[in-house]
């Protein structure tokens, strides 16, 4: 309350009161801004799922759910399951990815609940992003179901490639997704030096055979090895006619073992394992 005797005193008291109110208002705004900055951010991207990140990037978590149903039209197979106009649950996979220390460590877990599986592990991999320290350092990965890149442009996925399914000779064998138990070193997007582009190089040390993930073991002590090289020599070019040119090469060095009775590594064989028609080459 203003109790000054003269008009000048009353005006001065009102000005002081207004200044005090403005100061308190500024403090409240600062506190609100700080509180908002401390809250996690929520980001949703189609195909990538929902992400929740800490304000200081100290941790984050991703949720994604992949659901894929085929309607089959199989010539001459209408008398059995998965004949004409029947539905086949191709993929039913929830995935969770957690990272901490500003993304330096990342753990990905995905459940495979399709094709008759209940809660089989599809991915369980720890990634350590050493490339955050130096671009020439690799990303290290280790787990019981590691992903492995074999071909950049033919992944057979409804979210990463134009083809929904893999070609015949690659479907559900070691050349499929390349999932395996083991570890790997991944170099991505390194400068091409001589051209305005990038190149990638991956090495995978594979335990229990390529394509044998989910923590399963086999009866062989032999190790497989896989190498992958991708060259995009003009990816950084401003020329739209050249920037998209690239090529990739994947090589899998399998190590057959005649003692092995748990998978097909006893001999060289390519076979399709899923779907109503199995083909062995």
C-alpha atoms as a PDB file:
ATOM      1  CA  UNK A   1       0.000   0.000   0.000  1.00  0.00           C
ATOM      2  CA  UNK A   2       1.102   3.495  -0.847  1.00  0.00           C
ATOM      3  CA  UNK A   3       0.935   5.848   2.130  1.00  0.00           C
ATOM      4  CA  UNK A   4       3.193   8.683   0.916  1.00  0.00           C
ATOM      5  CA  UNK A   5       1.961  12.125   1.732  1.00  0.00           C
ATOM      6  CA  UNK A   6       2.614  14.000  -1.498  1.00  0.00           C
ATOM      7  CA  UNK A   7       1.913  13.151  -5.149  1.00  0.00           C
ATOM      8  CA  UNK A   8       5.644  12.834  -5.911  1.00  0.00           C
ATOM      9  CA  UNK A   9       6.073  10.351  -3.087  1.00  0.00           C
ATOM     10  CA  UNK A  10       3.095   8.315  -4.312  1.00  0.00           C
ATOM     11  CA  UNK A  11       4.471   8.241  -7.892  1.00  0.00           C
ATOM     12  CA  UNK A  12       7.889   7.195  -6.619  1.00  0.00           C
ATOM     13  CA  UNK A  13       6.389   4.420  -4.511  1.00  0.00           C
ATOM     14  CA  UNK A  14       4.365   3.141  -7.499  1.00  0.00           C
ATOM     15  CA  UNK A  15       7.458   3.133  -9.699  1.00  0.00           C
ATOM     16  CA  UNK A  16       9.377   1.151  -7.084  1.00  0.00           C
ATOM     17  CA  UNK A  17       6.510  -1.301  -6.800  1.00  0.00           C
ATOM     18  CA  UNK A  18       6.385  -1.723 -10.608  1.00  0.00           C
ATOM     19  CA  UNK A  19      10.129  -2.292 -10.794  1.00  0.00           C
ATOM     20  CA  UNK A  20       9.861  -4.954  -8.111  1.00  0.00           C
ATOM     21  CA  UNK A  21       7.007  -6.700  -9.943  1.00  0.00           C
ATOM     22  CA  UNK A  22       8.982  -6.696 -13.221  1.00  0.00           C
ATOM     23  CA  UNK A  23      11.979  -8.188 -11.460  1.00  0.00           C
ATOM     24  CA  UNK A  24       9.846 -10.955  -9.938  1.00  0.00           C
ATOM     25  CA  UNK A  25       8.265 -11.609 -13.332  1.00  0.00           C
ATOM     26  CA  UNK A  26      11.679 -11.971 -14.957  1.00  0.00           C
ATOM     27  CA  UNK A  27      12.758 -14.424 -12.258  1.00  0.00           C
ATOM     28  CA  UNK A  28       9.612 -16.501 -12.830  1.00  0.00           C
ATOM     29  CA  UNK A  29      10.276 -16.569 -16.571  1.00  0.00           C
ATOM     30  CA  UNK A  30      13.850 -17.718 -16.012  1.00  0.00           C
ATOM     31  CA  UNK A  31      12.676 -20.493 -13.692  1.00  0.00           C
ATOM     32  CA  UNK A  32      10.034 -21.603 -16.213  1.00  0.00           C
ATOM     33  CA  UNK A  33      12.580 -21.600 -19.049  1.00  0.00           C
ATOM     34  CA  UNK A  34      15.042 -23.616 -16.983  1.00  0.00           C
ATOM     35  CA  UNK A  35      12.329 -26.106 -16.015  1.00  0.00           C
ATOM     36  CA  UNK A  36      11.283 -26.514 -19.662  1.00  0.00           C
ATOM     37  CA  UNK A  37      14.892 -27.025 -20.725  1.00  0.00           C
ATOM     38  CA  UNK A  38      15.298 -29.755 -18.124  1.00  0.00           C
ATOM     39  CA  UNK A  39      12.312 -31.727 -19.436  1.00  0.00           C
ATOM     40  CA  UNK A  40      12.915 -34.612 -21.905  1.00  0.00           C
ATOM     41  CA  UNK A  41      11.962 -34.044 -25.532  1.00  0.00           C
ATOM     42  CA  UNK A  42       9.577 -36.337 -27.422  1.00  0.00           C
ATOM     43  CA  UNK A  43      10.149 -36.884 -31.144  1.00  0.00           C
ATOM     44  CA  UNK A  44       8.174 -39.130 -33.502  1.00  0.00           C
ATOM     45  CA  UNK A  45       9.274 -39.954 -37.031  1.00  0.00           C
ATOM     46  CA  UNK A  46       7.350 -42.334 -39.331  1.00  0.00           C
ATOM     47  CA  UNK A  47       9.345 -45.523 -39.746  1.00  0.00           C
ATOM     48  CA  UNK A  48      11.789 -44.597 -36.988  1.00  0.00           C
ATOM     49  CA  UNK A  49       9.319 -44.657 -34.091  1.00  0.00           C
ATOM     50  CA  UNK A  50       9.083 -42.611 -30.901  1.00  0.00           C
ATOM     51  CA  UNK A  51      12.147 -41.123 -29.251  1.00  0.00           C
ATOM     52  CA  UNK A  52      12.545 -39.629 -25.775  1.00  0.00           C
ATOM     53  CA  UNK A  53      15.775 -37.702 -25.135  1.00  0.00           C
ATOM     54  CA  UNK A  54      17.085 -36.040 -21.998  1.00  0.00           C
ATOM     55  CA  UNK A  55      17.584 -32.301 -22.283  1.00  0.00           C
ATOM     56  CA  UNK A  56      21.348 -32.644 -21.773  1.00  0.00           C
ATOM     57  CA  UNK A  57      21.541 -35.701 -24.106  1.00  0.00           C
ATOM     58  CA  UNK A  58      22.825 -37.811 -21.210  1.00  0.00           C
ATOM     59  CA  UNK A  59      20.320 -40.549 -22.067  1.00  0.00           C
ATOM     60  CA  UNK A  60      17.628 -41.394 -24.551  1.00  0.00           C
ATOM     61  CA  UNK A  61      15.284 -44.209 -25.506  1.00  0.00           C
ATOM     62  CA  UNK A  62      13.622 -45.256 -28.773  1.00  0.00           C
ATOM     63  CA  UNK A  63      10.490 -47.330 -29.317  1.00  0.00           C
ATOM     64  CA  UNK A  64       9.618 -48.849 -32.683  1.00  0.00           C
ATOM     65  CA  UNK A  65       7.156 -51.511 -33.761  1.00  0.00           C
ATOM     66  CA  UNK A  66       7.371 -53.298 -37.110  1.00  0.00           C
ATOM     67  CA  UNK A  67       4.236 -55.058 -38.370  1.00  0.00           C
ATOM     68  CA  UNK A  68       4.092 -56.635 -41.817  1.00  0.00           C
ATOM     69  CA  UNK A  69       1.409 -58.937 -43.264  1.00  0.00           C
ATOM     70  CA  UNK A  70       1.470 -60.630 -46.685  1.00  0.00           C
ATOM     71  CA  UNK A  71      -1.584 -61.789 -48.623  1.00  0.00           C
ATOM     72  CA  UNK A  72      -0.392 -64.845 -50.514  1.00  0.00           C
ATOM     73  CA  UNK A  73      -1.263 -65.997 -54.037  1.00  0.00           C
ATOM     74  CA  UNK A  74       0.609 -69.294 -54.489  1.00  0.00           C
ATOM     75  CA  UNK A  75      -0.040 -71.194 -57.696  1.00  0.00           C
ATOM     76  CA  UNK A  76      -1.212 -74.747 -57.008  1.00  0.00           C
ATOM     77  CA  UNK A  77      -1.060 -74.325 -53.229  1.00  0.00           C
ATOM     78  CA  UNK A  78      -4.681 -73.419 -52.520  1.00  0.00           C
ATOM     79  CA  UNK A  79      -5.329 -76.807 -50.848  1.00  0.00           C
ATOM     80  CA  UNK A  80      -2.876 -76.113 -48.067  1.00  0.00           C
ATOM     81  CA  UNK A  81      -2.171 -73.332 -45.618  1.00  0.00           C
ATOM     82  CA  UNK A  82      -0.993 -70.055 -47.093  1.00  0.00           C
ATOM     83  CA  UNK A  83      -2.757 -70.634 -50.379  1.00  0.00           C
ATOM     84  CA  UNK A  84      -4.656 -67.994 -52.321  1.00  0.00           C
ATOM     85  CA  UNK A  85      -5.980 -64.927 -50.467  1.00  0.00           C
ATOM     86  CA  UNK A  86      -4.589 -66.052 -47.119  1.00  0.00           C
ATOM     87  CA  UNK A  87      -2.653 -63.838 -44.717  1.00  0.00           C
ATOM     88  CA  UNK A  88       0.876 -64.602 -43.590  1.00  0.00           C
ATOM     89  CA  UNK A  89       2.333 -62.710 -40.622  1.00  0.00           C
ATOM     90  CA  UNK A  90       5.747 -61.868 -42.027  1.00  0.00           C
ATOM     91  CA  UNK A  91       7.007 -59.534 -39.285  1.00  0.00           C
ATOM     92  CA  UNK A  92       5.766 -58.676 -35.801  1.00  0.00           C
ATOM     93  CA  UNK A  93       8.645 -57.081 -33.937  1.00  0.00           C
ATOM     94  CA  UNK A  94       8.751 -54.535 -31.092  1.00  0.00           C
ATOM     95  CA  UNK A  95      12.131 -52.853 -30.677  1.00  0.00           C
ATOM     96  CA  UNK A  96      13.666 -50.769 -27.893  1.00  0.00           C
ATOM     97  CA  UNK A  97      16.945 -48.864 -28.120  1.00  0.00           C
ATOM     98  CA  UNK A  98      18.516 -47.194 -25.092  1.00  0.00           C
ATOM     99  CA  UNK A  99      21.569 -44.952 -25.191  1.00  0.00           C
ATOM    100  CA  UNK A 100      23.489 -43.009 -22.578  1.00  0.00           C
ATOM    101  CA  UNK A 101      26.520 -40.731 -22.202  1.00  0.00           C
ATOM    102  CA  UNK A 102      25.376 -38.555 -25.141  1.00  0.00           C
ATOM    103  CA  UNK A 103      24.914 -41.565 -27.377  1.00  0.00           C
ATOM    104  CA  UNK A 104      28.401 -42.974 -26.858  1.00  0.00           C
ATOM    105  CA  UNK A 105      26.883 -46.245 -25.620  1.00  0.00           C
ATOM    106  CA  UNK A 106      23.811 -47.775 -27.221  1.00  0.00           C
ATOM    107  CA  UNK A 107      21.933 -50.989 -26.494  1.00  0.00           C
ATOM    108  CA  UNK A 108      19.334 -52.333 -28.922  1.00  0.00           C
ATOM    109  CA  UNK A 109      16.863 -55.103 -28.152  1.00  0.00           C
ATOM    110  CA  UNK A 110      14.263 -56.432 -30.587  1.00  0.00           C
ATOM    111  CA  UNK A 111      11.811 -59.317 -30.143  1.00  0.00           C
ATOM    112  CA  UNK A 112      10.851 -61.596 -33.012  1.00  0.00           C
ATOM    113  CA  UNK A 113       7.201 -62.606 -32.536  1.00  0.00           C
ATOM    114  CA  UNK A 114       6.370 -63.712 -36.062  1.00  0.00           C
ATOM    115  CA  UNK A 115       6.467 -66.969 -38.043  1.00  0.00           C
ATOM    116  CA  UNK A 116       5.447 -69.059 -35.046  1.00  0.00           C
ATOM    117  CA  UNK A 117       7.959 -67.565 -32.646  1.00  0.00           C
ATOM    118  CA  UNK A 118       6.728 -66.427 -29.250  1.00  0.00           C
ATOM    119  CA  UNK A 119       9.345 -64.050 -27.876  1.00  0.00           C
ATOM    120  CA  UNK A 120      12.529 -64.985 -29.703  1.00  0.00           C
ATOM    121  CA  UNK A 121      15.314 -62.423 -29.546  1.00  0.00           C
ATOM    122  CA  UNK A 122      15.837 -60.750 -32.905  1.00  0.00           C
ATOM    123  CA  UNK A 123      18.461 -58.229 -31.809  1.00  0.00           C
ATOM    124  CA  UNK A 124      20.454 -57.903 -28.592  1.00  0.00           C
ATOM    125  CA  UNK A 125      23.490 -55.790 -29.326  1.00  0.00           C
ATOM    126  CA  UNK A 126      25.667 -53.270 -27.512  1.00  0.00           C
ATOM    127  CA  UNK A 127      27.194 -50.499 -29.652  1.00  0.00           C
ATOM    128  CA  UNK A 128      30.098 -48.302 -28.559  1.00  0.00           C
ATOM    129  CA  UNK A 129      30.445 -45.242 -30.808  1.00  0.00           C
ATOM    130  CA  UNK A 130      34.166 -44.553 -30.842  1.00  0.00           C
ATOM    131  CA  UNK A 131      33.603 -42.483 -33.996  1.00  0.00           C
ATOM    132  CA  UNK A 132      32.297 -39.743 -31.712  1.00  0.00           C
ATOM    133  CA  UNK A 133      35.861 -39.353 -30.414  1.00  0.00           C
ATOM    134  CA  UNK A 134      37.421 -39.340 -33.885  1.00  0.00           C
ATOM    135  CA  UNK A 135      35.751 -39.908 -37.295  1.00  0.00           C
ATOM    136  CA  UNK A 136      38.464 -42.429 -38.187  1.00  0.00           C
ATOM    137  CA  UNK A 137      37.701 -44.575 -35.131  1.00  0.00           C
ATOM    138  CA  UNK A 138      35.201 -47.435 -35.696  1.00  0.00           C
ATOM    139  CA  UNK A 139      31.886 -48.194 -34.105  1.00  0.00           C
ATOM    140  CA  UNK A 140      32.287 -51.340 -32.028  1.00  0.00           C
ATOM    141  CA  UNK A 141      29.418 -53.790 -31.642  1.00  0.00           C
ATOM    142  CA  UNK A 142      29.049 -57.023 -29.703  1.00  0.00           C
ATOM    143  CA  UNK A 143      26.042 -59.198 -28.952  1.00  0.00           C
ATOM    144  CA  UNK A 144      24.208 -62.463 -29.384  1.00  0.00           C
ATOM    145  CA  UNK A 145      22.385 -61.270 -32.515  1.00  0.00           C
ATOM    146  CA  UNK A 146      24.466 -58.651 -34.274  1.00  0.00           C
ATOM    147  CA  UNK A 147      23.297 -57.080 -37.522  1.00  0.00           C
ATOM    148  CA  UNK A 148      25.679 -57.242 -40.490  1.00  0.00           C
ATOM    149  CA  UNK A 149      25.498 -55.276 -43.716  1.00  0.00           C
ATOM    150  CA  UNK A 150      26.161 -57.347 -46.842  1.00  0.00           C
ATOM    151  CA  UNK A 151      24.565 -55.243 -49.575  1.00  0.00           C
ATOM    152  CA  UNK A 152      23.568 -51.612 -49.114  1.00  0.00           C
ATOM    153  CA  UNK A 153      21.020 -51.566 -51.935  1.00  0.00           C
ATOM    154  CA  UNK A 154      19.245 -54.908 -51.606  1.00  0.00           C
ATOM    155  CA  UNK A 155      18.241 -55.361 -48.004  1.00  0.00           C
ATOM    156  CA  UNK A 156      14.845 -56.906 -48.544  1.00  0.00           C
ATOM    157  CA  UNK A 157      13.067 -54.680 -46.054  1.00  0.00           C
ATOM    158  CA  UNK A 158       9.838 -52.757 -46.217  1.00  0.00           C
ATOM    159  CA  UNK A 159      11.476 -49.786 -44.506  1.00  0.00           C
ATOM    160  CA  UNK A 160      15.048 -49.563 -45.836  1.00  0.00           C
ATOM    161  CA  UNK A 161      14.882 -50.744 -49.440  1.00  0.00           C
ATOM    162  CA  UNK A 162      12.693 -50.793 -52.499  1.00  0.00           C
ATOM    163  CA  UNK A 163      12.369 -54.589 -52.328  1.00  0.00           C
ATOM    164  CA  UNK A 164      10.093 -56.033 -49.652  1.00  0.00           C
ATOM    165  CA  UNK A 165      11.675 -59.501 -49.704  1.00  0.00           C
ATOM    166  CA  UNK A 166      15.192 -60.745 -50.318  1.00  0.00           C
ATOM    167  CA  UNK A 167      16.140 -62.540 -53.543  1.00  0.00           C
ATOM    168  CA  UNK A 168      15.784 -66.312 -53.690  1.00  0.00           C
ATOM    169  CA  UNK A 169      19.412 -67.257 -53.001  1.00  0.00           C
ATOM    170  CA  UNK A 170      19.666 -64.880 -50.033  1.00  0.00           C
ATOM    171  CA  UNK A 171      16.411 -65.458 -48.234  1.00  0.00           C
ATOM    172  CA  UNK A 172      16.890 -66.914 -44.745  1.00  0.00           C
ATOM    173  CA  UNK A 173      20.456 -68.098 -44.957  1.00  0.00           C
ATOM    174  CA  UNK A 174      23.668 -66.407 -43.876  1.00  0.00           C
ATOM    175  CA  UNK A 175      23.240 -63.757 -46.565  1.00  0.00           C
ATOM    176  CA  UNK A 176      19.851 -62.699 -45.234  1.00  0.00           C
ATOM    177  CA  UNK A 177      20.154 -59.998 -42.573  1.00  0.00           C
ATOM    178  CA  UNK A 178      23.607 -61.218 -41.591  1.00  0.00           C
ATOM    179  CA  UNK A 179      22.551 -61.659 -37.973  1.00  0.00           C
ATOM    180  CA  UNK A 180      25.132 -63.523 -35.919  1.00  0.00           C
ATOM    181  CA  UNK A 181      26.696 -63.922 -32.506  1.00  0.00           C
ATOM    182  CA  UNK A 182      30.031 -62.156 -32.335  1.00  0.00           C
ATOM    183  CA  UNK A 183      31.526 -58.716 -32.671  1.00  0.00           C
ATOM    184  CA  UNK A 184      32.237 -56.187 -35.359  1.00  0.00           C
ATOM    185  CA  UNK A 185      34.100 -53.006 -36.280  1.00  0.00           C
ATOM    186  CA  UNK A 186      32.238 -50.531 -38.485  1.00  0.00           C
ATOM    187  CA  UNK A 187      33.658 -47.490 -40.258  1.00  0.00           C
ATOM    188  CA  UNK A 188      30.977 -45.326 -41.899  1.00  0.00           C
ATOM    189  CA  UNK A 189      31.018 -42.136 -43.966  1.00  0.00           C
ATOM    190  CA  UNK A 190      34.786 -41.695 -44.162  1.00  0.00           C
ATOM    191  CA  UNK A 191      35.990 -39.033 -46.634  1.00  0.00           C
ATOM    192  CA  UNK A 192      36.941 -40.384 -50.053  1.00  0.00           C
ATOM    193  CA  UNK A 193      39.918 -38.011 -50.289  1.00  0.00           C
ATOM    194  CA  UNK A 194      40.313 -38.046 -54.088  1.00  0.00           C
ATOM    195  CA  UNK A 195      36.638 -37.390 -54.852  1.00  0.00           C
ATOM    196  CA  UNK A 196      33.824 -35.460 -53.065  1.00  0.00           C
ATOM    197  CA  UNK A 197      32.336 -38.571 -51.545  1.00  0.00           C
ATOM    198  CA  UNK A 198      32.468 -41.139 -48.743  1.00  0.00           C
ATOM    199  CA  UNK A 199      33.224 -44.810 -48.198  1.00  0.00           C
ATOM    200  CA  UNK A 200      32.253 -47.424 -45.611  1.00  0.00           C
ATOM    201  CA  UNK A 201      34.094 -50.505 -44.400  1.00  0.00           C
ATOM    202  CA  UNK A 202      32.800 -53.187 -42.014  1.00  0.00           C
ATOM    203  CA  UNK A 203      34.468 -56.254 -40.504  1.00  0.00           C
ATOM    204  CA  UNK A 204      32.508 -58.907 -38.586  1.00  0.00           C
ATOM    205  CA  UNK A 205      34.059 -61.699 -36.503  1.00  0.00           C
ATOM    206  CA  UNK A 206      31.337 -64.342 -36.363  1.00  0.00           C
ATOM    207  CA  UNK A 207      30.874 -67.021 -33.730  1.00  0.00           C
ATOM    208  CA  UNK A 208      28.475 -69.949 -34.344  1.00  0.00           C
ATOM    209  CA  UNK A 209      28.097 -69.174 -38.042  1.00  0.00           C
ATOM    210  CA  UNK A 210      26.565 -66.384 -40.092  1.00  0.00           C
ATOM    211  CA  UNK A 211      22.794 -66.258 -39.833  1.00  0.00           C
ATOM    212  CA  UNK A 212      22.759 -68.083 -36.491  1.00  0.00           C
ATOM    213  CA  UNK A 213      21.677 -65.541 -33.910  1.00  0.00           C
ATOM    214  CA  UNK A 214      19.265 -65.429 -30.986  1.00  0.00           C
ATOM    215  CA  UNK A 215      22.050 -66.651 -28.697  1.00  0.00           C
ATOM    216  CA  UNK A 216      22.015 -70.132 -30.242  1.00  0.00           C
ATOM    217  CA  UNK A 217      25.246 -72.136 -30.264  1.00  0.00           C
ATOM    218  CA  UNK A 218      26.534 -74.853 -32.581  1.00  0.00           C
ATOM    219  CA  UNK A 219      28.929 -77.788 -32.431  1.00  0.00           C
ATOM    220  CA  UNK A 220      31.809 -76.077 -34.180  1.00  0.00           C
ATOM    221  CA  UNK A 221      34.705 -74.002 -32.933  1.00  0.00           C
ATOM    222  CA  UNK A 222      35.322 -72.591 -36.440  1.00  0.00           C
ATOM    223  CA  UNK A 223      34.797 -68.853 -36.914  1.00  0.00           C
ATOM    224  CA  UNK A 224      33.304 -67.075 -39.906  1.00  0.00           C
ATOM    225  CA  UNK A 225      34.377 -63.674 -41.203  1.00  0.00           C
ATOM    226  CA  UNK A 226      32.474 -61.091 -43.238  1.00  0.00           C
ATOM    227  CA  UNK A 227      33.699 -57.945 -44.981  1.00  0.00           C
ATOM    228  CA  UNK A 228      31.675 -55.128 -46.486  1.00  0.00           C
ATOM    229  CA  UNK A 229      32.779 -52.159 -48.594  1.00  0.00           C
ATOM    230  CA  UNK A 230      30.583 -49.352 -49.907  1.00  0.00           C
ATOM    231  CA  UNK A 231      31.850 -46.588 -52.168  1.00  0.00           C
ATOM    232  CA  UNK A 232      29.852 -43.391 -52.798  1.00  0.00           C
ATOM    233  CA  UNK A 233      32.498 -41.275 -54.595  1.00  0.00           C
ATOM    234  CA  UNK A 234      30.232 -38.319 -55.391  1.00  0.00           C
ATOM    235  CA  UNK A 235      27.843 -38.276 -52.422  1.00  0.00           C
ATOM    236  CA  UNK A 236      29.111 -34.852 -51.297  1.00  0.00           C
ATOM    237  CA  UNK A 237      28.965 -33.372 -54.780  1.00  0.00           C
ATOM    238  CA  UNK A 238      26.451 -30.641 -55.604  1.00  0.00           C
ATOM    239  CA  UNK A 239      25.890 -32.228 -59.010  1.00  0.00           C
ATOM    240  CA  UNK A 240      22.531 -34.004 -58.722  1.00  0.00           C
ATOM    241  CA  UNK A 241      23.382 -36.286 -61.662  1.00  0.00           C
ATOM    242  CA  UNK A 242      26.446 -37.710 -59.904  1.00  0.00           C
ATOM    243  CA  UNK A 243      25.707 -37.528 -56.179  1.00  0.00           C
ATOM    244  CA  UNK A 244      23.622 -40.709 -56.144  1.00  0.00           C
ATOM    245  CA  UNK A 245      26.136 -43.053 -57.770  1.00  0.00           C
ATOM    246  CA  UNK A 246      27.524 -45.712 -55.442  1.00  0.00           C
ATOM    247  CA  UNK A 247      28.481 -49.378 -55.306  1.00  0.00           C
ATOM    248  CA  UNK A 248      28.829 -51.953 -52.549  1.00  0.00           C
ATOM    249  CA  UNK A 249      30.493 -55.338 -52.127  1.00  0.00           C
ATOM    250  CA  UNK A 250      29.939 -57.915 -49.407  1.00  0.00           C
ATOM    251  CA  UNK A 251      32.005 -61.051 -48.845  1.00  0.00           C
ATOM    252  CA  UNK A 252      31.239 -63.844 -46.383  1.00  0.00           C
ATOM    253  CA  UNK A 253      34.027 -66.314 -45.559  1.00  0.00           C
ATOM    254  CA  UNK A 254      32.168 -69.312 -44.190  1.00  0.00           C
ATOM    255  CA  UNK A 255      34.074 -72.038 -42.373  1.00  0.00           C
ATOM    256  CA  UNK A 256      32.383 -75.449 -42.894  1.00  0.00           C
ATOM    257  CA  UNK A 257      32.846 -78.102 -40.222  1.00  0.00           C
ATOM    258  CA  UNK A 258      31.912 -81.754 -40.831  1.00  0.00           C
ATOM    259  CA  UNK A 259      31.412 -82.253 -37.074  1.00  0.00           C
ATOM    260  CA  UNK A 260      28.650 -79.654 -37.009  1.00  0.00           C
ATOM    261  CA  UNK A 261      25.149 -81.114 -36.806  1.00  0.00           C
ATOM    262  CA  UNK A 262      23.280 -78.034 -35.568  1.00  0.00           C
ATOM    263  CA  UNK A 263      23.183 -76.074 -38.844  1.00  0.00           C
ATOM    264  CA  UNK A 264      24.101 -76.321 -42.503  1.00  0.00           C
ATOM    265  CA  UNK A 265      27.761 -75.332 -42.042  1.00  0.00           C
ATOM    266  CA  UNK A 266      28.812 -78.945 -42.732  1.00  0.00           C
ATOM    267  CA  UNK A 267      28.697 -78.230 -46.459  1.00  0.00           C
ATOM    268  CA  UNK A 268      28.237 -75.364 -48.881  1.00  0.00           C
ATOM    269  CA  UNK A 269      24.525 -74.807 -49.377  1.00  0.00           C
ATOM    270  CA  UNK A 270      22.091 -71.984 -50.118  1.00  0.00           C
ATOM    271  CA  UNK A 271      18.503 -72.562 -49.080  1.00  0.00           C
ATOM    272  CA  UNK A 272      15.319 -70.621 -48.518  1.00  0.00           C
ATOM    273  CA  UNK A 273      13.995 -71.525 -45.076  1.00  0.00           C
ATOM    274  CA  UNK A 274      10.808 -69.481 -44.677  1.00  0.00           C
ATOM    275  CA  UNK A 275       7.616 -69.481 -46.685  1.00  0.00           C
ATOM    276  CA  UNK A 276       5.644 -72.463 -48.019  1.00  0.00           C
ATOM    277  CA  UNK A 277       8.153 -73.408 -50.746  1.00  0.00           C
ATOM    278  CA  UNK A 278      11.718 -74.287 -49.722  1.00  0.00           C
ATOM    279  CA  UNK A 279      14.386 -74.342 -52.406  1.00  0.00           C
ATOM    280  CA  UNK A 280      17.904 -75.703 -51.968  1.00  0.00           C
ATOM    281  CA  UNK A 281      20.636 -74.765 -54.413  1.00  0.00           C
END
